[in-house]
């Protein structure tokens, strides 16, 4: 008989004070081992890792809230400006958070939807009701083509291309800021400032050329989003980062939609 444990927590427990006889040790049989090894392996979902299926569900949920918000913004377009400000703040917070927040990302999607719906109503009022479906189908077309090229392996994100993308993005942001200041101060006219100006006597707005360039930037941003999802799944990233992927897709698609909406509006001024 083994000596009783000196630990008070175990002293009164028969499970820790009873001696184990050699013949009481369990030895698994061949059938037990076969059954154990025959069980299915744990999936990434079981271990709390990113999967394509789970990430797609998160993206669908985020876009569902975006559409709900867009419906509200369409009915009450005056909410577009406050939604834009709140969306900008939430976008920055979500971008710099080390750990994705599902709640903040879903709130961002809804608020961004209100902004998109409101601005779409404003554009539709000024440039025709058909401008919105044209922009929607244009956006879906770019997303579909980009996804097909990425899935086929013909387009991939690279360090060099990403550096060029970041420089071009900063340049576009600087241009947009200057254009806004010139519009507010009355230096340039037109609904879209410098964008509304024509290139020589061609009749082609400056904004159309810039817009096509920005659409290409947004398409590459989608490539980076898809690459992030692929890398996350292959490296076994925590499941929560599926929400970060959803956030990135929402940001890029909204940006793409607004640029296409802007391009169409330029030709209707």
C-alpha atoms as a PDB file:
ATOM      1  CA  UNK A   1       0.000   0.000   0.000  1.00  0.00           C
ATOM      2  CA  UNK A   2       1.403   3.351  -0.969  1.00  0.00           C
ATOM      3  CA  UNK A   3       1.905   5.953   1.722  1.00  0.00           C
ATOM      4  CA  UNK A   4      -0.837   8.521   2.125  1.00  0.00           C
ATOM      5  CA  UNK A   5      -0.156  11.906   0.573  1.00  0.00           C
ATOM      6  CA  UNK A   6       1.057  14.608   2.935  1.00  0.00           C
ATOM      7  CA  UNK A   7      -0.834  17.262   0.926  1.00  0.00           C
ATOM      8  CA  UNK A   8      -4.023  18.185   2.903  1.00  0.00           C
ATOM      9  CA  UNK A   9      -5.911  18.693  -0.336  1.00  0.00           C
ATOM     10  CA  UNK A  10      -5.343  15.088  -1.363  1.00  0.00           C
ATOM     11  CA  UNK A  11      -5.270  13.376   2.092  1.00  0.00           C
ATOM     12  CA  UNK A  12      -8.992  12.610   2.240  1.00  0.00           C
ATOM     13  CA  UNK A  13      -9.374  11.597  -1.388  1.00  0.00           C
ATOM     14  CA  UNK A  14      -9.331   7.907  -2.155  1.00  0.00           C
ATOM     15  CA  UNK A  15      -8.472   8.684  -5.769  1.00  0.00           C
ATOM     16  CA  UNK A  16      -5.041   9.951  -4.702  1.00  0.00           C
ATOM     17  CA  UNK A  17      -4.398   7.618  -1.721  1.00  0.00           C
ATOM     18  CA  UNK A  18      -5.250   4.235  -3.178  1.00  0.00           C
ATOM     19  CA  UNK A  19      -2.381   2.175  -4.450  1.00  0.00           C
ATOM     20  CA  UNK A  20      -2.497   1.140  -8.092  1.00  0.00           C
ATOM     21  CA  UNK A  21      -2.043  -2.552  -8.681  1.00  0.00           C
ATOM     22  CA  UNK A  22      -0.028  -3.644 -11.705  1.00  0.00           C
ATOM     23  CA  UNK A  23      -2.941  -5.699 -13.056  1.00  0.00           C
ATOM     24  CA  UNK A  24      -5.241  -2.656 -12.805  1.00  0.00           C
ATOM     25  CA  UNK A  25      -3.267  -0.674 -15.433  1.00  0.00           C
ATOM     26  CA  UNK A  26      -5.333  -0.323 -18.596  1.00  0.00           C
ATOM     27  CA  UNK A  27      -3.726  -1.698 -21.726  1.00  0.00           C
ATOM     28  CA  UNK A  28      -5.494  -0.681 -24.972  1.00  0.00           C
ATOM     29  CA  UNK A  29      -6.304  -3.494 -27.346  1.00  0.00           C
ATOM     30  CA  UNK A  30      -5.610  -3.488 -31.076  1.00  0.00           C
ATOM     31  CA  UNK A  31      -9.249  -2.621 -31.813  1.00  0.00           C
ATOM     32  CA  UNK A  32      -9.088   0.310 -29.365  1.00  0.00           C
ATOM     33  CA  UNK A  33      -5.987   1.662 -31.092  1.00  0.00           C
ATOM     34  CA  UNK A  34      -7.543   1.251 -34.549  1.00  0.00           C
ATOM     35  CA  UNK A  35     -10.642   3.116 -33.422  1.00  0.00           C
ATOM     36  CA  UNK A  36      -8.576   5.941 -31.944  1.00  0.00           C
ATOM     37  CA  UNK A  37      -6.395   6.382 -35.025  1.00  0.00           C
ATOM     38  CA  UNK A  38      -9.437   6.088 -37.295  1.00  0.00           C
ATOM     39  CA  UNK A  39     -11.105   9.167 -35.830  1.00  0.00           C
ATOM     40  CA  UNK A  40     -11.084  12.292 -38.071  1.00  0.00           C
ATOM     41  CA  UNK A  41      -8.365  14.836 -37.430  1.00  0.00           C
ATOM     42  CA  UNK A  42      -9.248  18.138 -35.844  1.00  0.00           C
ATOM     43  CA  UNK A  43     -10.126  20.768 -38.458  1.00  0.00           C
ATOM     44  CA  UNK A  44      -8.803  24.365 -38.413  1.00  0.00           C
ATOM     45  CA  UNK A  45     -12.224  25.447 -37.145  1.00  0.00           C
ATOM     46  CA  UNK A  46     -11.947  23.006 -34.241  1.00  0.00           C
ATOM     47  CA  UNK A  47      -8.569  24.463 -33.301  1.00  0.00           C
ATOM     48  CA  UNK A  48      -9.701  28.097 -33.657  1.00  0.00           C
ATOM     49  CA  UNK A  49      -7.815  28.804 -36.873  1.00  0.00           C
ATOM     50  CA  UNK A  50      -8.764  30.797 -39.984  1.00  0.00           C
ATOM     51  CA  UNK A  51     -10.539  28.963 -42.795  1.00  0.00           C
ATOM     52  CA  UNK A  52     -11.794  30.183 -46.148  1.00  0.00           C
ATOM     53  CA  UNK A  53     -15.343  29.147 -45.303  1.00  0.00           C
ATOM     54  CA  UNK A  54     -15.412  30.942 -41.969  1.00  0.00           C
ATOM     55  CA  UNK A  55     -13.807  34.070 -43.434  1.00  0.00           C
ATOM     56  CA  UNK A  56     -16.361  34.153 -46.269  1.00  0.00           C
ATOM     57  CA  UNK A  57     -19.171  33.980 -43.702  1.00  0.00           C
ATOM     58  CA  UNK A  58     -17.663  36.950 -41.863  1.00  0.00           C
ATOM     59  CA  UNK A  59     -17.364  38.908 -45.115  1.00  0.00           C
ATOM     60  CA  UNK A  60     -21.008  38.168 -45.978  1.00  0.00           C
ATOM     61  CA  UNK A  61     -22.131  39.351 -42.529  1.00  0.00           C
ATOM     62  CA  UNK A  62     -20.135  42.576 -42.872  1.00  0.00           C
ATOM     63  CA  UNK A  63     -21.606  43.277 -46.308  1.00  0.00           C
ATOM     64  CA  UNK A  64     -25.068  42.439 -45.039  1.00  0.00           C
ATOM     65  CA  UNK A  65     -24.761  45.219 -42.466  1.00  0.00           C
ATOM     66  CA  UNK A  66     -23.288  47.488 -45.144  1.00  0.00           C
ATOM     67  CA  UNK A  67     -26.408  46.988 -47.290  1.00  0.00           C
ATOM     68  CA  UNK A  68     -28.724  47.602 -44.325  1.00  0.00           C
ATOM     69  CA  UNK A  69     -26.878  50.836 -43.589  1.00  0.00           C
ATOM     70  CA  UNK A  70     -26.975  51.791 -47.285  1.00  0.00           C
ATOM     71  CA  UNK A  71     -30.762  51.411 -47.310  1.00  0.00           C
ATOM     72  CA  UNK A  72     -31.017  53.782 -44.343  1.00  0.00           C
ATOM     73  CA  UNK A  73     -28.609  56.274 -45.916  1.00  0.00           C
ATOM     74  CA  UNK A  74     -30.569  56.187 -49.181  1.00  0.00           C
ATOM     75  CA  UNK A  75     -33.780  57.115 -47.358  1.00  0.00           C
ATOM     76  CA  UNK A  76     -32.071  59.735 -45.141  1.00  0.00           C
ATOM     77  CA  UNK A  77     -29.160  61.092 -47.225  1.00  0.00           C
ATOM     78  CA  UNK A  78     -28.522  63.878 -44.705  1.00  0.00           C
ATOM     79  CA  UNK A  79     -26.826  61.215 -42.567  1.00  0.00           C
ATOM     80  CA  UNK A  80     -24.044  60.826 -45.151  1.00  0.00           C
ATOM     81  CA  UNK A  81     -21.763  63.515 -43.680  1.00  0.00           C
ATOM     82  CA  UNK A  82     -21.875  62.414 -40.015  1.00  0.00           C
ATOM     83  CA  UNK A  83     -21.573  58.789 -41.150  1.00  0.00           C
ATOM     84  CA  UNK A  84     -18.471  59.702 -43.172  1.00  0.00           C
ATOM     85  CA  UNK A  85     -16.843  61.273 -40.109  1.00  0.00           C
ATOM     86  CA  UNK A  86     -17.723  58.373 -37.801  1.00  0.00           C
ATOM     87  CA  UNK A  87     -16.663  55.880 -40.462  1.00  0.00           C
ATOM     88  CA  UNK A  88     -13.288  57.604 -40.841  1.00  0.00           C
ATOM     89  CA  UNK A  89     -12.656  57.421 -37.090  1.00  0.00           C
ATOM     90  CA  UNK A  90     -13.716  53.773 -36.865  1.00  0.00           C
ATOM     91  CA  UNK A  91     -11.665  52.934 -39.933  1.00  0.00           C
ATOM     92  CA  UNK A  92      -8.518  54.368 -38.360  1.00  0.00           C
ATOM     93  CA  UNK A  93      -9.206  52.587 -35.062  1.00  0.00           C
ATOM     94  CA  UNK A  94      -9.746  49.239 -36.794  1.00  0.00           C
ATOM     95  CA  UNK A  95      -6.648  49.737 -38.942  1.00  0.00           C
ATOM     96  CA  UNK A  96      -4.322  50.296 -35.992  1.00  0.00           C
ATOM     97  CA  UNK A  97      -5.761  47.760 -33.545  1.00  0.00           C
ATOM     98  CA  UNK A  98      -3.418  44.813 -33.023  1.00  0.00           C
ATOM     99  CA  UNK A  99      -6.321  42.489 -32.201  1.00  0.00           C
ATOM    100  CA  UNK A 100      -9.367  42.731 -34.492  1.00  0.00           C
ATOM    101  CA  UNK A 101     -12.627  43.738 -32.812  1.00  0.00           C
ATOM    102  CA  UNK A 102     -15.696  42.066 -34.295  1.00  0.00           C
ATOM    103  CA  UNK A 103     -18.026  44.670 -32.781  1.00  0.00           C
ATOM    104  CA  UNK A 104     -16.072  47.664 -34.107  1.00  0.00           C
ATOM    105  CA  UNK A 105     -15.750  46.125 -37.574  1.00  0.00           C
ATOM    106  CA  UNK A 106     -19.476  45.398 -37.789  1.00  0.00           C
ATOM    107  CA  UNK A 107     -20.344  48.895 -36.557  1.00  0.00           C
ATOM    108  CA  UNK A 108     -17.954  50.313 -39.144  1.00  0.00           C
ATOM    109  CA  UNK A 109     -19.667  48.298 -41.894  1.00  0.00           C
ATOM    110  CA  UNK A 110     -23.094  49.620 -40.897  1.00  0.00           C
ATOM    111  CA  UNK A 111     -21.921  53.241 -40.614  1.00  0.00           C
ATOM    112  CA  UNK A 112     -20.026  53.044 -43.891  1.00  0.00           C
ATOM    113  CA  UNK A 113     -23.179  51.675 -45.473  1.00  0.00           C
ATOM    114  CA  UNK A 114     -25.107  54.764 -44.314  1.00  0.00           C
ATOM    115  CA  UNK A 115     -22.469  56.964 -45.945  1.00  0.00           C
ATOM    116  CA  UNK A 116     -22.531  54.978 -49.195  1.00  0.00           C
ATOM    117  CA  UNK A 117     -26.334  55.024 -49.330  1.00  0.00           C
ATOM    118  CA  UNK A 118     -26.491  58.761 -48.648  1.00  0.00           C
ATOM    119  CA  UNK A 119     -23.837  59.741 -51.188  1.00  0.00           C
ATOM    120  CA  UNK A 120     -25.439  57.424 -53.770  1.00  0.00           C
ATOM    121  CA  UNK A 121     -28.777  59.188 -53.318  1.00  0.00           C
ATOM    122  CA  UNK A 122     -27.098  62.576 -53.765  1.00  0.00           C
ATOM    123  CA  UNK A 123     -25.345  61.449 -56.962  1.00  0.00           C
ATOM    124  CA  UNK A 124     -28.534  59.841 -58.267  1.00  0.00           C
ATOM    125  CA  UNK A 125     -30.450  63.083 -57.732  1.00  0.00           C
ATOM    126  CA  UNK A 126     -27.849  65.142 -59.589  1.00  0.00           C
ATOM    127  CA  UNK A 127     -26.782  62.774 -62.372  1.00  0.00           C
ATOM    128  CA  UNK A 128     -29.671  60.336 -62.892  1.00  0.00           C
ATOM    129  CA  UNK A 129     -31.065  57.338 -61.063  1.00  0.00           C
ATOM    130  CA  UNK A 130     -29.280  54.843 -63.330  1.00  0.00           C
ATOM    131  CA  UNK A 131     -25.854  56.002 -62.160  1.00  0.00           C
ATOM    132  CA  UNK A 132     -26.050  53.858 -59.002  1.00  0.00           C
ATOM    133  CA  UNK A 133     -26.771  50.464 -60.648  1.00  0.00           C
ATOM    134  CA  UNK A 134     -24.094  51.241 -63.250  1.00  0.00           C
ATOM    135  CA  UNK A 135     -21.566  51.855 -60.465  1.00  0.00           C
ATOM    136  CA  UNK A 136     -22.706  48.730 -58.585  1.00  0.00           C
ATOM    137  CA  UNK A 137     -22.315  46.462 -61.621  1.00  0.00           C
ATOM    138  CA  UNK A 138     -18.998  48.099 -62.481  1.00  0.00           C
ATOM    139  CA  UNK A 139     -17.746  47.395 -58.960  1.00  0.00           C
ATOM    140  CA  UNK A 140     -18.926  43.785 -59.063  1.00  0.00           C
ATOM    141  CA  UNK A 141     -17.212  43.354 -62.423  1.00  0.00           C
ATOM    142  CA  UNK A 142     -13.857  44.620 -61.153  1.00  0.00           C
ATOM    143  CA  UNK A 143     -14.100  42.455 -58.016  1.00  0.00           C
ATOM    144  CA  UNK A 144     -15.012  39.357 -60.068  1.00  0.00           C
ATOM    145  CA  UNK A 145     -12.177  39.847 -62.573  1.00  0.00           C
ATOM    146  CA  UNK A 146      -9.641  40.547 -59.825  1.00  0.00           C
ATOM    147  CA  UNK A 147     -10.724  37.471 -57.866  1.00  0.00           C
ATOM    148  CA  UNK A 148     -10.569  35.289 -61.000  1.00  0.00           C
ATOM    149  CA  UNK A 149      -7.055  36.516 -61.851  1.00  0.00           C
ATOM    150  CA  UNK A 150      -5.910  35.972 -58.275  1.00  0.00           C
ATOM    151  CA  UNK A 151      -7.423  32.481 -58.101  1.00  0.00           C
ATOM    152  CA  UNK A 152      -5.734  31.535 -61.382  1.00  0.00           C
ATOM    153  CA  UNK A 153      -2.366  32.659 -60.031  1.00  0.00           C
ATOM    154  CA  UNK A 154      -1.878  35.290 -62.748  1.00  0.00           C
ATOM    155  CA  UNK A 155      -1.932  38.162 -60.260  1.00  0.00           C
ATOM    156  CA  UNK A 156      -0.117  38.178 -56.937  1.00  0.00           C
ATOM    157  CA  UNK A 157       0.920  40.784 -54.399  1.00  0.00           C
ATOM    158  CA  UNK A 158       4.667  41.425 -54.286  1.00  0.00           C
ATOM    159  CA  UNK A 159       6.886  43.627 -52.125  1.00  0.00           C
ATOM    160  CA  UNK A 160       7.887  45.830 -55.048  1.00  0.00           C
ATOM    161  CA  UNK A 161       4.317  46.250 -56.308  1.00  0.00           C
ATOM    162  CA  UNK A 162       3.103  46.996 -52.782  1.00  0.00           C
ATOM    163  CA  UNK A 163       5.729  49.735 -52.357  1.00  0.00           C
ATOM    164  CA  UNK A 164       4.632  51.299 -55.654  1.00  0.00           C
ATOM    165  CA  UNK A 165       1.008  51.005 -54.524  1.00  0.00           C
ATOM    166  CA  UNK A 166       1.714  52.805 -51.248  1.00  0.00           C
ATOM    167  CA  UNK A 167       3.578  55.646 -52.989  1.00  0.00           C
ATOM    168  CA  UNK A 168       0.782  56.014 -55.546  1.00  0.00           C
ATOM    169  CA  UNK A 169      -1.839  55.944 -52.793  1.00  0.00           C
ATOM    170  CA  UNK A 170      -0.077  58.711 -50.869  1.00  0.00           C
ATOM    171  CA  UNK A 171       0.148  60.749 -54.066  1.00  0.00           C
ATOM    172  CA  UNK A 172      -3.570  60.308 -54.709  1.00  0.00           C
ATOM    173  CA  UNK A 173      -4.419  61.294 -51.136  1.00  0.00           C
ATOM    174  CA  UNK A 174      -2.308  64.454 -51.520  1.00  0.00           C
ATOM    175  CA  UNK A 175      -4.061  65.271 -54.799  1.00  0.00           C
ATOM    176  CA  UNK A 176      -7.499  64.749 -53.212  1.00  0.00           C
ATOM    177  CA  UNK A 177      -6.603  67.034 -50.304  1.00  0.00           C
ATOM    178  CA  UNK A 178      -5.319  69.802 -52.609  1.00  0.00           C
ATOM    179  CA  UNK A 179      -8.399  69.461 -54.826  1.00  0.00           C
ATOM    180  CA  UNK A 180     -10.691  69.768 -51.799  1.00  0.00           C
ATOM    181  CA  UNK A 181      -8.917  72.902 -50.569  1.00  0.00           C
ATOM    182  CA  UNK A 182      -9.119  74.490 -54.036  1.00  0.00           C
ATOM    183  CA  UNK A 183     -12.840  73.715 -54.198  1.00  0.00           C
ATOM    184  CA  UNK A 184     -13.554  75.118 -50.741  1.00  0.00           C
ATOM    185  CA  UNK A 185     -11.628  78.316 -51.493  1.00  0.00           C
ATOM    186  CA  UNK A 186     -13.335  78.756 -54.868  1.00  0.00           C
ATOM    187  CA  UNK A 187     -10.111  78.570 -56.887  1.00  0.00           C
ATOM    188  CA  UNK A 188     -11.535  75.833 -59.135  1.00  0.00           C
ATOM    189  CA  UNK A 189     -15.130  75.264 -60.137  1.00  0.00           C
ATOM    190  CA  UNK A 190     -17.079  72.226 -61.268  1.00  0.00           C
ATOM    191  CA  UNK A 191     -18.745  69.577 -59.177  1.00  0.00           C
ATOM    192  CA  UNK A 192     -15.439  67.749 -58.699  1.00  0.00           C
ATOM    193  CA  UNK A 193     -12.875  70.541 -58.902  1.00  0.00           C
ATOM    194  CA  UNK A 194      -9.732  69.669 -60.848  1.00  0.00           C
ATOM    195  CA  UNK A 195     -11.319  66.368 -61.839  1.00  0.00           C
ATOM    196  CA  UNK A 196     -13.963  68.248 -63.823  1.00  0.00           C
ATOM    197  CA  UNK A 197     -11.377  70.054 -65.964  1.00  0.00           C
ATOM    198  CA  UNK A 198     -10.854  68.755 -69.498  1.00  0.00           C
ATOM    199  CA  UNK A 199      -7.562  67.583 -70.947  1.00  0.00           C
ATOM    200  CA  UNK A 200      -6.903  70.093 -73.722  1.00  0.00           C
ATOM    201  CA  UNK A 201      -9.664  70.001 -76.323  1.00  0.00           C
ATOM    202  CA  UNK A 202     -10.248  66.276 -76.061  1.00  0.00           C
ATOM    203  CA  UNK A 203     -13.381  66.580 -73.982  1.00  0.00           C
ATOM    204  CA  UNK A 204     -11.975  63.979 -71.581  1.00  0.00           C
ATOM    205  CA  UNK A 205     -12.134  65.046 -67.920  1.00  0.00           C
ATOM    206  CA  UNK A 206      -8.913  64.937 -65.925  1.00  0.00           C
ATOM    207  CA  UNK A 207     -10.800  62.960 -63.305  1.00  0.00           C
ATOM    208  CA  UNK A 208     -11.564  60.177 -65.785  1.00  0.00           C
ATOM    209  CA  UNK A 209      -7.862  59.432 -66.285  1.00  0.00           C
ATOM    210  CA  UNK A 210      -7.182  59.740 -62.568  1.00  0.00           C
ATOM    211  CA  UNK A 211     -10.241  57.606 -61.838  1.00  0.00           C
ATOM    212  CA  UNK A 212      -9.056  54.751 -64.044  1.00  0.00           C
ATOM    213  CA  UNK A 213      -5.683  54.883 -62.306  1.00  0.00           C
ATOM    214  CA  UNK A 214      -7.399  54.780 -58.894  1.00  0.00           C
ATOM    215  CA  UNK A 215      -9.597  51.852 -59.949  1.00  0.00           C
ATOM    216  CA  UNK A 216      -6.391  49.957 -60.743  1.00  0.00           C
ATOM    217  CA  UNK A 217      -5.063  50.900 -57.297  1.00  0.00           C
ATOM    218  CA  UNK A 218      -8.264  49.612 -55.685  1.00  0.00           C
ATOM    219  CA  UNK A 219      -8.016  46.393 -57.710  1.00  0.00           C
ATOM    220  CA  UNK A 220      -4.478  45.844 -56.425  1.00  0.00           C
ATOM    221  CA  UNK A 221      -5.726  46.572 -52.911  1.00  0.00           C
ATOM    222  CA  UNK A 222      -8.193  43.711 -53.429  1.00  0.00           C
ATOM    223  CA  UNK A 223      -5.292  41.484 -54.476  1.00  0.00           C
ATOM    224  CA  UNK A 224      -3.546  42.331 -51.202  1.00  0.00           C
ATOM    225  CA  UNK A 225      -6.750  41.533 -49.292  1.00  0.00           C
ATOM    226  CA  UNK A 226      -7.069  38.150 -51.001  1.00  0.00           C
ATOM    227  CA  UNK A 227      -3.383  37.460 -50.396  1.00  0.00           C
ATOM    228  CA  UNK A 228      -3.812  38.301 -46.707  1.00  0.00           C
ATOM    229  CA  UNK A 229      -6.651  35.796 -46.430  1.00  0.00           C
ATOM    230  CA  UNK A 230      -4.642  33.109 -48.214  1.00  0.00           C
ATOM    231  CA  UNK A 231      -1.597  33.703 -46.019  1.00  0.00           C
ATOM    232  CA  UNK A 232      -3.708  33.709 -42.857  1.00  0.00           C
ATOM    233  CA  UNK A 233      -5.346  30.390 -43.694  1.00  0.00           C
ATOM    234  CA  UNK A 234      -2.101  28.702 -44.737  1.00  0.00           C
ATOM    235  CA  UNK A 235      -0.189  29.925 -41.675  1.00  0.00           C
ATOM    236  CA  UNK A 236      -2.971  28.952 -39.274  1.00  0.00           C
ATOM    237  CA  UNK A 237      -3.719  32.471 -38.064  1.00  0.00           C
ATOM    238  CA  UNK A 238      -6.259  32.781 -35.212  1.00  0.00           C
ATOM    239  CA  UNK A 239      -9.872  32.690 -36.358  1.00  0.00           C
ATOM    240  CA  UNK A 240     -10.524  36.235 -35.129  1.00  0.00           C
ATOM    241  CA  UNK A 241      -8.384  37.602 -37.968  1.00  0.00           C
ATOM    242  CA  UNK A 242     -11.114  36.587 -40.376  1.00  0.00           C
ATOM    243  CA  UNK A 243     -12.860  39.756 -39.187  1.00  0.00           C
ATOM    244  CA  UNK A 244      -9.791  41.787 -40.121  1.00  0.00           C
ATOM    245  CA  UNK A 245      -9.998  40.306 -43.604  1.00  0.00           C
ATOM    246  CA  UNK A 246     -13.692  41.242 -43.796  1.00  0.00           C
ATOM    247  CA  UNK A 247     -12.830  44.795 -42.743  1.00  0.00           C
ATOM    248  CA  UNK A 248     -10.189  45.084 -45.463  1.00  0.00           C
ATOM    249  CA  UNK A 249     -12.555  43.807 -48.165  1.00  0.00           C
ATOM    250  CA  UNK A 250     -15.305  46.242 -47.099  1.00  0.00           C
ATOM    251  CA  UNK A 251     -12.915  49.211 -47.146  1.00  0.00           C
ATOM    252  CA  UNK A 252     -11.574  48.343 -50.603  1.00  0.00           C
ATOM    253  CA  UNK A 253     -14.943  47.595 -52.214  1.00  0.00           C
ATOM    254  CA  UNK A 254     -16.473  50.831 -50.874  1.00  0.00           C
ATOM    255  CA  UNK A 255     -13.477  52.787 -52.177  1.00  0.00           C
ATOM    256  CA  UNK A 256     -13.796  51.077 -55.571  1.00  0.00           C
ATOM    257  CA  UNK A 257     -17.541  51.784 -55.772  1.00  0.00           C
ATOM    258  CA  UNK A 258     -17.131  55.470 -54.943  1.00  0.00           C
ATOM    259  CA  UNK A 259     -14.412  55.926 -57.564  1.00  0.00           C
ATOM    260  CA  UNK A 260     -16.511  54.279 -60.275  1.00  0.00           C
ATOM    261  CA  UNK A 261     -19.506  56.398 -59.209  1.00  0.00           C
ATOM    262  CA  UNK A 262     -17.325  59.486 -59.503  1.00  0.00           C
ATOM    263  CA  UNK A 263     -16.069  58.544 -62.991  1.00  0.00           C
ATOM    264  CA  UNK A 264     -19.601  58.050 -64.324  1.00  0.00           C
ATOM    265  CA  UNK A 265     -20.706  61.364 -62.815  1.00  0.00           C
ATOM    266  CA  UNK A 266     -17.862  63.202 -64.593  1.00  0.00           C
ATOM    267  CA  UNK A 267     -19.292  62.334 -68.007  1.00  0.00           C
ATOM    268  CA  UNK A 268     -22.714  63.635 -66.978  1.00  0.00           C
ATOM    269  CA  UNK A 269     -21.744  67.077 -65.776  1.00  0.00           C
END
